[in-house]
Amino acid sequence: MTQLTINNQPYDLLKQQFKTSPYTNGNGHNGHAVATLEELEQPASKSAEQVAVENAVYTILTNIGEDPGRQGLERTPTRVAKAFAELTSGYHVDPQALINDAVFDVAYDELVLVKNIDFFSLCEHHMLPFYGQAHVAYIPSGKVIGLSKIPRIVEMFARRLQVQERMTQQIADFLTETLQPQGVAVVVEGQHMCAAMRGVKKANARMTTSAMTGSFKHNPQTRGEFLDHIARHGDH
């Protein structure tokens, strides 16, 4: 006897490979990948979500005419599942744990600006990347936030399926709610692969979005100071 059934799949002990596909035993082997007996005895180590994404990627590869079992693609479903878990990790960030009590009472009421914050996100319409820089400012009203927290806030909202307009507003709203400052200003500049690689195919197009609250929205001088600072960001 050279064949038995594991997880309802025929397994050839001589060839040591599954004859049907994918991603059910938690070890990431597809229909053509070699699996050792040692690996088969290991308990499942993947979440149901990861296995579901792996199977979805396997289906995509098959339906675009590829062979998911060839050498370069054997581990692609697992790699893609892990990549998407990282790229959408913002869904699972606890905002309070992110802040981690890094809000301090400080008698300061002038501009606080963190600019040139790199971000990477995924367009929710085509799930292709968009990326660029964010510039975030606020006027304190007795409270300031730790410097490192502002880039982390940007990343929390970027690491999701997004549209740039909403991401910009979410960053501003979160800082407003957390600090209750005199005002918040956010400008995001992004390049979108969904417009560069497909569709209109305009590789040099850039999108700029802004969200202004409080003194930045109602005081032209305050808003002008902020915009003047970020207009020079390429010089530093």
C-alpha atoms as a PDB file:
ATOM      1  CA  MET A   1       0.000   0.000   0.000  1.00  0.00           C
ATOM      2  CA  THR A   2       1.571   3.251  -1.097  1.00  0.00           C
ATOM      3  CA  GLN A   3      -1.387   5.623  -0.710  1.00  0.00           C
ATOM      4  CA  LEU A   4      -3.452   6.832   2.211  1.00  0.00           C
ATOM      5  CA  THR A   5      -5.821   9.694   2.888  1.00  0.00           C
ATOM      6  CA  ILE A   6      -4.931  12.643   5.120  1.00  0.00           C
ATOM      7  CA  ASN A   7      -7.377  15.489   5.631  1.00  0.00           C
ATOM      8  CA  ASN A   8      -9.554  13.898   2.929  1.00  0.00           C
ATOM      9  CA  GLN A   9      -6.733  14.224   0.396  1.00  0.00           C
ATOM     10  CA  PRO A  10      -4.964  11.298  -1.364  1.00  0.00           C
ATOM     11  CA  TYR A  11      -1.317  11.141  -0.363  1.00  0.00           C
ATOM     12  CA  ASP A  12       1.250   9.067  -2.250  1.00  0.00           C
ATOM     13  CA  LEU A  13       3.885   7.749   0.138  1.00  0.00           C
ATOM     14  CA  LEU A  14       6.333   7.056  -2.697  1.00  0.00           C
ATOM     15  CA  LYS A  15       6.052  10.426  -4.381  1.00  0.00           C
ATOM     16  CA  GLN A  16       5.545  12.239  -1.076  1.00  0.00           C
ATOM     17  CA  GLN A  17       3.227  14.871  -2.499  1.00  0.00           C
ATOM     18  CA  PHE A  18      -0.426  15.828  -2.382  1.00  0.00           C
ATOM     19  CA  LYS A  19      -2.337  15.228  -5.607  1.00  0.00           C
ATOM     20  CA  THR A  20      -4.887  17.898  -4.889  1.00  0.00           C
ATOM     21  CA  SER A  21      -4.182  21.372  -3.774  1.00  0.00           C
ATOM     22  CA  PRO A  22      -3.825  23.641  -1.373  1.00  0.00           C
ATOM     23  CA  TYR A  23      -3.415  25.048   1.963  1.00  0.00           C
ATOM     24  CA  THR A  24      -5.567  23.056   4.328  1.00  0.00           C
ATOM     25  CA  ASN A  25      -3.034  21.479   6.690  1.00  0.00           C
ATOM     26  CA  GLY A  26      -1.383  24.704   7.857  1.00  0.00           C
ATOM     27  CA  ASN A  27       1.974  23.826   6.357  1.00  0.00           C
ATOM     28  CA  GLY A  28       1.495  25.795   3.150  1.00  0.00           C
ATOM     29  CA  HIS A  29       1.928  22.979   0.621  1.00  0.00           C
ATOM     30  CA  ASN A  30       0.063  23.059  -2.655  1.00  0.00           C
ATOM     31  CA  GLY A  31      -0.799  20.278  -5.065  1.00  0.00           C
ATOM     32  CA  HIS A  32       2.704  19.962  -6.454  1.00  0.00           C
ATOM     33  CA  ALA A  33       4.899  20.861  -3.502  1.00  0.00           C
ATOM     34  CA  VAL A  34       6.843  18.147  -1.698  1.00  0.00           C
ATOM     35  CA  ALA A  35       5.754  17.558   1.891  1.00  0.00           C
ATOM     36  CA  THR A  36       7.805  15.439   4.285  1.00  0.00           C
ATOM     37  CA  LEU A  37       6.229  13.075   6.790  1.00  0.00           C
ATOM     38  CA  GLU A  38       7.715  15.207   9.560  1.00  0.00           C
ATOM     39  CA  GLU A  39       5.857  18.245   8.230  1.00  0.00           C
ATOM     40  CA  LEU A  40       2.633  16.267   7.949  1.00  0.00           C
ATOM     41  CA  GLU A  41       2.834  15.307  11.613  1.00  0.00           C
ATOM     42  CA  GLN A  42       3.185  18.920  12.761  1.00  0.00           C
ATOM     43  CA  PRO A  43       0.043  20.607  14.105  1.00  0.00           C
ATOM     44  CA  ALA A  44      -1.565  23.330  12.031  1.00  0.00           C
ATOM     45  CA  SER A  45       0.205  26.612  12.699  1.00  0.00           C
ATOM     46  CA  LYS A  46      -1.787  29.037  10.555  1.00  0.00           C
ATOM     47  CA  SER A  47      -4.935  30.928  11.319  1.00  0.00           C
ATOM     48  CA  ALA A  48      -8.092  30.172   9.382  1.00  0.00           C
ATOM     49  CA  GLU A  49      -7.828  33.649   7.882  1.00  0.00           C
ATOM     50  CA  GLN A  50      -4.322  33.026   6.531  1.00  0.00           C
ATOM     51  CA  VAL A  51      -5.335  29.687   5.025  1.00  0.00           C
ATOM     52  CA  ALA A  52      -8.374  31.336   3.381  1.00  0.00           C
ATOM     53  CA  VAL A  53      -6.208  34.040   1.825  1.00  0.00           C
ATOM     54  CA  GLU A  54      -3.692  31.450   0.611  1.00  0.00           C
ATOM     55  CA  ASN A  55      -6.463  29.491  -1.087  1.00  0.00           C
ATOM     56  CA  ALA A  56      -7.815  32.674  -2.659  1.00  0.00           C
ATOM     57  CA  VAL A  57      -4.375  33.539  -4.070  1.00  0.00           C
ATOM     58  CA  TYR A  58      -4.012  29.966  -5.358  1.00  0.00           C
ATOM     59  CA  THR A  59      -7.359  30.369  -7.148  1.00  0.00           C
ATOM     60  CA  ILE A  60      -6.269  33.667  -8.686  1.00  0.00           C
ATOM     61  CA  LEU A  61      -3.014  32.174  -9.943  1.00  0.00           C
ATOM     62  CA  THR A  62      -4.869  29.249 -11.494  1.00  0.00           C
ATOM     63  CA  ASN A  63      -7.475  31.448 -13.182  1.00  0.00           C
ATOM     64  CA  ILE A  64      -4.996  33.844 -14.764  1.00  0.00           C
ATOM     65  CA  GLY A  65      -3.382  30.865 -16.455  1.00  0.00           C
ATOM     66  CA  GLU A  66      -0.452  30.237 -14.125  1.00  0.00           C
ATOM     67  CA  ASP A  67       0.727  27.001 -12.559  1.00  0.00           C
ATOM     68  CA  PRO A  68       0.757  27.513  -8.762  1.00  0.00           C
ATOM     69  CA  GLY A  69       2.917  24.416  -8.434  1.00  0.00           C
ATOM     70  CA  ARG A  70       5.891  25.644 -10.427  1.00  0.00           C
ATOM     71  CA  GLN A  71       9.043  26.493  -8.508  1.00  0.00           C
ATOM     72  CA  GLY A  72       8.675  30.272  -8.446  1.00  0.00           C
ATOM     73  CA  LEU A  73       5.057  30.138  -7.272  1.00  0.00           C
ATOM     74  CA  GLU A  74       5.067  27.253  -4.793  1.00  0.00           C
ATOM     75  CA  ARG A  75       5.244  29.570  -1.796  1.00  0.00           C
ATOM     76  CA  THR A  76       3.568  32.592  -3.358  1.00  0.00           C
ATOM     77  CA  PRO A  77       0.146  32.097  -1.712  1.00  0.00           C
ATOM     78  CA  THR A  78       1.805  31.972   1.708  1.00  0.00           C
ATOM     79  CA  ARG A  79       3.978  34.978   0.958  1.00  0.00           C
ATOM     80  CA  VAL A  80       1.018  37.001  -0.284  1.00  0.00           C
ATOM     81  CA  ALA A  81      -1.077  36.083   2.745  1.00  0.00           C
ATOM     82  CA  LYS A  82       1.708  37.221   5.081  1.00  0.00           C
ATOM     83  CA  ALA A  83       2.246  40.404   3.076  1.00  0.00           C
ATOM     84  CA  PHE A  84      -1.432  41.333   3.221  1.00  0.00           C
ATOM     85  CA  ALA A  85      -1.499  40.663   6.949  1.00  0.00           C
ATOM     86  CA  GLU A  86       1.310  43.201   7.336  1.00  0.00           C
ATOM     87  CA  LEU A  87      -0.116  45.711   4.870  1.00  0.00           C
ATOM     88  CA  THR A  88      -3.508  45.692   6.591  1.00  0.00           C
ATOM     89  CA  SER A  89      -2.214  45.493  10.156  1.00  0.00           C
ATOM     90  CA  GLY A  90      -3.735  48.889  10.948  1.00  0.00           C
ATOM     91  CA  TYR A  91      -7.126  47.235  11.402  1.00  0.00           C
ATOM     92  CA  HIS A  92      -5.776  45.464  14.467  1.00  0.00           C
ATOM     93  CA  VAL A  93      -3.963  48.328  16.203  1.00  0.00           C
ATOM     94  CA  ASP A  94      -5.424  49.411  19.528  1.00  0.00           C
ATOM     95  CA  PRO A  95      -5.352  53.233  19.432  1.00  0.00           C
ATOM     96  CA  GLN A  96      -5.022  53.529  23.190  1.00  0.00           C
ATOM     97  CA  ALA A  97      -2.117  51.091  23.269  1.00  0.00           C
ATOM     98  CA  LEU A  98      -0.569  53.046  20.403  1.00  0.00           C
ATOM     99  CA  ILE A  99      -0.700  56.296  22.372  1.00  0.00           C
ATOM    100  CA  ASN A 100       0.526  54.445  25.491  1.00  0.00           C
ATOM    101  CA  ASP A 101       0.044  57.440  27.809  1.00  0.00           C
ATOM    102  CA  ALA A 102       2.387  59.556  25.667  1.00  0.00           C
ATOM    103  CA  VAL A 103       0.234  62.680  26.064  1.00  0.00           C
ATOM    104  CA  PHE A 104       1.827  65.290  28.289  1.00  0.00           C
ATOM    105  CA  ASP A 105       0.777  68.535  29.927  1.00  0.00           C
ATOM    106  CA  VAL A 106       2.977  71.265  28.431  1.00  0.00           C
ATOM    107  CA  ALA A 107       2.511  75.039  28.458  1.00  0.00           C
ATOM    108  CA  TYR A 108       3.088  75.516  24.729  1.00  0.00           C
ATOM    109  CA  ASP A 109       0.678  76.997  22.212  1.00  0.00           C
ATOM    110  CA  GLU A 110       2.645  77.405  18.996  1.00  0.00           C
ATOM    111  CA  LEU A 111       2.894  75.257  15.874  1.00  0.00           C
ATOM    112  CA  VAL A 112       3.983  71.626  16.221  1.00  0.00           C
ATOM    113  CA  LEU A 113       4.760  70.086  12.829  1.00  0.00           C
ATOM    114  CA  VAL A 114       6.023  66.667  11.774  1.00  0.00           C
ATOM    115  CA  LYS A 115       6.588  66.558   8.020  1.00  0.00           C
ATOM    116  CA  ASN A 116       7.865  64.162   5.367  1.00  0.00           C
ATOM    117  CA  ILE A 117       6.276  61.110   7.029  1.00  0.00           C
ATOM    118  CA  ASP A 118       6.552  58.272   4.515  1.00  0.00           C
ATOM    119  CA  PHE A 119       3.505  56.038   4.210  1.00  0.00           C
ATOM    120  CA  PHE A 120       2.414  53.042   2.155  1.00  0.00           C
ATOM    121  CA  SER A 121      -1.199  52.011   1.741  1.00  0.00           C
ATOM    122  CA  LEU A 122      -3.505  49.975  -0.490  1.00  0.00           C
ATOM    123  CA  CYS A 123      -6.236  51.501  -2.627  1.00  0.00           C
ATOM    124  CA  GLU A 124      -9.529  49.876  -1.652  1.00  0.00           C
ATOM    125  CA  HIS A 125     -10.817  49.952  -5.228  1.00  0.00           C
ATOM    126  CA  HIS A 126      -8.116  47.837  -6.895  1.00  0.00           C
ATOM    127  CA  MET A 127      -5.985  46.749  -3.910  1.00  0.00           C
ATOM    128  CA  LEU A 128      -2.936  48.302  -5.555  1.00  0.00           C
ATOM    129  CA  PRO A 129      -0.437  50.411  -3.596  1.00  0.00           C
ATOM    130  CA  PHE A 130      -0.476  54.122  -3.125  1.00  0.00           C
ATOM    131  CA  TYR A 131       2.307  55.823  -1.247  1.00  0.00           C
ATOM    132  CA  GLY A 132       3.842  59.172  -0.482  1.00  0.00           C
ATOM    133  CA  GLN A 133       4.340  61.555   2.416  1.00  0.00           C
ATOM    134  CA  ALA A 134       2.148  63.042   5.093  1.00  0.00           C
ATOM    135  CA  HIS A 135       2.640  66.355   6.903  1.00  0.00           C
ATOM    136  CA  VAL A 136       0.891  66.700  10.244  1.00  0.00           C
ATOM    137  CA  ALA A 137       0.633  69.762  12.486  1.00  0.00           C
ATOM    138  CA  TYR A 138      -1.332  70.923  15.502  1.00  0.00           C
ATOM    139  CA  ILE A 139      -1.548  73.903  17.846  1.00  0.00           C
ATOM    140  CA  PRO A 140      -1.559  72.562  21.420  1.00  0.00           C
ATOM    141  CA  SER A 141      -4.077  73.578  24.009  1.00  0.00           C
ATOM    142  CA  GLY A 142      -2.133  72.489  27.073  1.00  0.00           C
ATOM    143  CA  LYS A 143      -1.296  68.980  25.854  1.00  0.00           C
ATOM    144  CA  VAL A 144       1.309  67.577  23.454  1.00  0.00           C
ATOM    145  CA  ILE A 145       1.862  64.056  22.141  1.00  0.00           C
ATOM    146  CA  GLY A 146       5.154  62.172  21.934  1.00  0.00           C
ATOM    147  CA  LEU A 147       6.989  62.829  18.672  1.00  0.00           C
ATOM    148  CA  SER A 148       7.108  59.191  17.556  1.00  0.00           C
ATOM    149  CA  LYS A 149       3.356  58.811  17.952  1.00  0.00           C
ATOM    150  CA  ILE A 150       2.445  61.002  14.988  1.00  0.00           C
ATOM    151  CA  PRO A 151       4.184  58.778  12.386  1.00  0.00           C
ATOM    152  CA  ARG A 152       2.647  55.771  14.138  1.00  0.00           C
ATOM    153  CA  ILE A 153      -0.816  57.318  13.835  1.00  0.00           C
ATOM    154  CA  VAL A 154      -0.234  57.882  10.125  1.00  0.00           C
ATOM    155  CA  GLU A 155       0.842  54.259   9.737  1.00  0.00           C
ATOM    156  CA  MET A 156      -2.171  52.967  11.689  1.00  0.00           C
ATOM    157  CA  PHE A 157      -4.541  54.528   9.179  1.00  0.00           C
ATOM    158  CA  ALA A 158      -2.350  53.809   6.127  1.00  0.00           C
ATOM    159  CA  ARG A 159      -2.064  50.089   6.847  1.00  0.00           C
ATOM    160  CA  ARG A 160      -5.606  49.402   5.667  1.00  0.00           C
ATOM    161  CA  LEU A 161      -7.577  49.357   2.452  1.00  0.00           C
ATOM    162  CA  GLN A 162      -7.970  53.089   1.985  1.00  0.00           C
ATOM    163  CA  VAL A 163      -8.792  56.082  -0.109  1.00  0.00           C
ATOM    164  CA  GLN A 164      -6.432  58.988   0.412  1.00  0.00           C
ATOM    165  CA  GLU A 165      -9.204  61.471   1.212  1.00  0.00           C
ATOM    166  CA  ARG A 166     -10.536  59.385   4.086  1.00  0.00           C
ATOM    167  CA  MET A 167      -7.089  58.577   5.458  1.00  0.00           C
ATOM    168  CA  THR A 168      -6.252  62.286   5.600  1.00  0.00           C
ATOM    169  CA  GLN A 169      -9.424  63.062   7.529  1.00  0.00           C
ATOM    170  CA  GLN A 170      -8.991  60.112   9.896  1.00  0.00           C
ATOM    171  CA  ILE A 171      -5.545  61.317  10.941  1.00  0.00           C
ATOM    172  CA  ALA A 172      -6.893  64.801  11.661  1.00  0.00           C
ATOM    173  CA  ASP A 173      -9.934  63.490  13.533  1.00  0.00           C
ATOM    174  CA  PHE A 174      -7.853  61.156  15.697  1.00  0.00           C
ATOM    175  CA  LEU A 175      -5.465  63.906  16.792  1.00  0.00           C
ATOM    176  CA  THR A 176      -8.383  66.256  17.460  1.00  0.00           C
ATOM    177  CA  GLU A 177     -10.119  63.680  19.638  1.00  0.00           C
ATOM    178  CA  THR A 178      -6.919  62.693  21.464  1.00  0.00           C
ATOM    179  CA  LEU A 179      -5.453  66.146  22.192  1.00  0.00           C
ATOM    180  CA  GLN A 180      -8.380  68.571  21.925  1.00  0.00           C
ATOM    181  CA  PRO A 181      -5.933  71.112  20.420  1.00  0.00           C
ATOM    182  CA  GLN A 182      -6.629  74.556  19.048  1.00  0.00           C
ATOM    183  CA  GLY A 183      -6.390  73.087  15.572  1.00  0.00           C
ATOM    184  CA  VAL A 184      -5.034  70.257  13.436  1.00  0.00           C
ATOM    185  CA  ALA A 185      -3.705  70.333   9.873  1.00  0.00           C
ATOM    186  CA  VAL A 186      -2.898  67.318   7.707  1.00  0.00           C
ATOM    187  CA  VAL A 187      -1.653  67.326   4.117  1.00  0.00           C
ATOM    188  CA  VAL A 188      -1.036  64.043   2.299  1.00  0.00           C
ATOM    189  CA  GLU A 189       0.745  63.727  -1.046  1.00  0.00           C
ATOM    190  CA  GLY A 190       0.359  60.390  -2.781  1.00  0.00           C
ATOM    191  CA  GLN A 191       1.192  58.490  -5.939  1.00  0.00           C
ATOM    192  CA  HIS A 192      -1.372  55.847  -6.898  1.00  0.00           C
ATOM    193  CA  MET A 193      -0.405  52.684  -8.747  1.00  0.00           C
ATOM    194  CA  CYS A 194      -4.030  52.120  -9.779  1.00  0.00           C
ATOM    195  CA  ALA A 195      -3.700  55.234 -11.966  1.00  0.00           C
ATOM    196  CA  ALA A 196      -0.074  54.600 -13.020  1.00  0.00           C
ATOM    197  CA  MET A 197      -0.110  50.885 -13.897  1.00  0.00           C
ATOM    198  CA  ARG A 198      -3.616  50.509 -15.316  1.00  0.00           C
ATOM    199  CA  GLY A 199      -6.576  52.540 -16.492  1.00  0.00           C
ATOM    200  CA  VAL A 200      -5.469  56.068 -17.319  1.00  0.00           C
ATOM    201  CA  LYS A 201      -1.760  55.067 -16.994  1.00  0.00           C
ATOM    202  CA  LYS A 202      -0.424  58.432 -15.826  1.00  0.00           C
ATOM    203  CA  ALA A 203       2.746  57.518 -13.966  1.00  0.00           C
ATOM    204  CA  ASN A 204       3.635  61.083 -12.958  1.00  0.00           C
ATOM    205  CA  ALA A 205       0.260  62.099 -11.541  1.00  0.00           C
ATOM    206  CA  ARG A 206       0.268  63.006  -7.837  1.00  0.00           C
ATOM    207  CA  MET A 207      -2.688  63.557  -5.533  1.00  0.00           C
ATOM    208  CA  THR A 208      -2.745  66.053  -2.654  1.00  0.00           C
ATOM    209  CA  THR A 209      -5.400  66.028   0.062  1.00  0.00           C
ATOM    210  CA  SER A 210      -5.791  68.164   3.160  1.00  0.00           C
ATOM    211  CA  ALA A 211      -7.825  68.302   6.342  1.00  0.00           C
ATOM    212  CA  MET A 212      -7.896  71.445   8.498  1.00  0.00           C
ATOM    213  CA  THR A 213      -9.642  71.972  11.809  1.00  0.00           C
ATOM    214  CA  GLY A 214      -9.874  74.768  14.354  1.00  0.00           C
ATOM    215  CA  SER A 215      -7.357  77.574  13.985  1.00  0.00           C
ATOM    216  CA  PHE A 216      -5.921  76.101  10.779  1.00  0.00           C
ATOM    217  CA  LYS A 217      -9.328  76.217   9.164  1.00  0.00           C
ATOM    218  CA  HIS A 218     -10.412  79.631  10.424  1.00  0.00           C
ATOM    219  CA  ASN A 219      -7.149  81.588  10.754  1.00  0.00           C
ATOM    220  CA  PRO A 220      -5.437  82.318   7.407  1.00  0.00           C
ATOM    221  CA  GLN A 221      -2.181  83.293   9.131  1.00  0.00           C
ATOM    222  CA  THR A 222      -1.938  79.996  11.004  1.00  0.00           C
ATOM    223  CA  ARG A 223      -2.836  78.027   7.915  1.00  0.00           C
ATOM    224  CA  GLY A 224      -0.339  80.010   5.858  1.00  0.00           C
ATOM    225  CA  GLU A 225       2.478  79.298   8.319  1.00  0.00           C
ATOM    226  CA  PHE A 226       1.794  75.576   8.065  1.00  0.00           C
ATOM    227  CA  LEU A 227       1.576  75.566   4.270  1.00  0.00           C
ATOM    228  CA  ASP A 228       4.746  77.629   3.994  1.00  0.00           C
ATOM    229  CA  HIS A 229       6.654  75.100   6.094  1.00  0.00           C
ATOM    230  CA  ILE A 230       5.559  72.098   4.047  1.00  0.00           C
ATOM    231  CA  ALA A 231       6.125  73.930   0.745  1.00  0.00           C
ATOM    232  CA  ARG A 232       9.822  73.890   1.668  1.00  0.00           C
ATOM    233  CA  HIS A 233       9.927  70.236   2.653  1.00  0.00           C
ATOM    234  CA  GLY A 234      11.807  69.239  -0.485  1.00  0.00           C
ATOM    235  CA  ASP A 235      14.677  71.518   0.462  1.00  0.00           C
ATOM    236  CA  HIS A 236      15.582  69.659   3.657  1.00  0.00           C
END
